[in-house]
Protein backbone atom coordinates (compact mmCIF):
# COMPACT_ATOMS: atom_id res chain seq x y z
CA MET A 1 -0.08 0.20 -0.04
CA VAL A 2 1.11 3.42 -0.87
CA LEU A 3 -0.46 6.65 0.37
CA GLY A 4 -0.59 9.76 -1.45
CA GLN A 5 -2.83 12.82 -2.74
CA VAL A 6 -4.86 12.65 -5.92
CA ALA A 7 -3.91 14.50 -8.75
CA ASP A 8 -5.34 18.02 -9.55
CA GLY A 9 -8.90 17.54 -11.30
CA TYR A 10 -9.69 14.19 -9.81
CA GLY A 11 -11.18 13.39 -6.30
CA VAL A 12 -11.99 10.30 -3.99
CA GLU A 13 -15.12 9.62 -6.18
CA ASP A 14 -12.77 9.02 -9.04
CA LEU A 15 -10.69 6.24 -7.29
CA ALA A 16 -11.94 2.43 -6.03
CA VAL A 17 -9.93 -0.26 -4.36
CA GLY A 18 -7.91 -2.28 -7.02
CA ALA A 19 -8.21 0.35 -9.79
CA HIS A 20 -5.10 1.26 -11.81
CA VAL A 21 -3.51 4.57 -11.06
CA GLU A 22 -0.57 6.12 -12.26
CA LEU A 23 2.01 8.33 -10.54
CA VAL A 24 2.31 11.95 -11.92
CA VAL A 25 4.46 14.79 -10.88
CA GLU A 26 2.85 18.44 -10.17
CA PRO A 27 3.69 21.53 -8.95
CA LEU A 28 2.81 22.05 -5.13
CA TYR A 29 3.84 25.62 -4.94
CA VAL A 30 6.45 28.34 -5.89
CA ASP A 31 8.52 30.32 -3.50
CA GLY A 32 11.56 32.71 -3.98
CA SER A 33 13.77 29.99 -4.51
CA GLY A 34 11.83 28.02 -7.18
CA GLU A 35 8.97 25.51 -7.67
CA ARG A 36 8.29 22.85 -5.42
CA THR A 37 7.08 19.49 -6.63
CA VAL A 38 5.09 16.79 -5.28
CA TRP A 39 3.92 13.14 -6.54
CA ARG A 40 0.27 12.27 -6.79
CA TRP A 41 -1.90 9.41 -8.15
CA LYS A 42 -4.03 9.62 -11.24
CA PRO A 43 -6.64 7.02 -12.14
CA VAL A 44 -5.68 5.37 -15.44
CA ASP A 45 -8.94 4.94 -17.82
CA GLY A 46 -9.15 2.16 -20.52
CA LEU A 47 -6.49 -0.28 -19.96
CA GLY A 48 -8.10 -2.78 -22.04
CA ASP A 49 -5.56 -5.86 -22.99
CA GLU A 50 -2.53 -3.74 -21.97
CA THR A 51 -0.17 -5.09 -19.51
CA ASP A 52 -0.03 -4.20 -15.89
CA GLU A 53 3.39 -2.80 -16.47
CA GLY A 54 3.92 0.59 -14.30
CA ALA A 55 0.32 0.03 -12.68
CA VAL A 56 -0.23 0.08 -8.98
CA ARG A 57 -2.90 -1.43 -7.33
């Protein structure tokens, strides 16, 4: 199990136990020293017959 935030534009209603997700890197904030990023989870739609490579369950 890996915990994390949901990507921008998605909410908890877009997730389900066992669903495929992918890791995305998004801006968290910008300050005087530059942009800070954070990793978040994004639901993956339409995997079809693709392999599970790179998917987190």
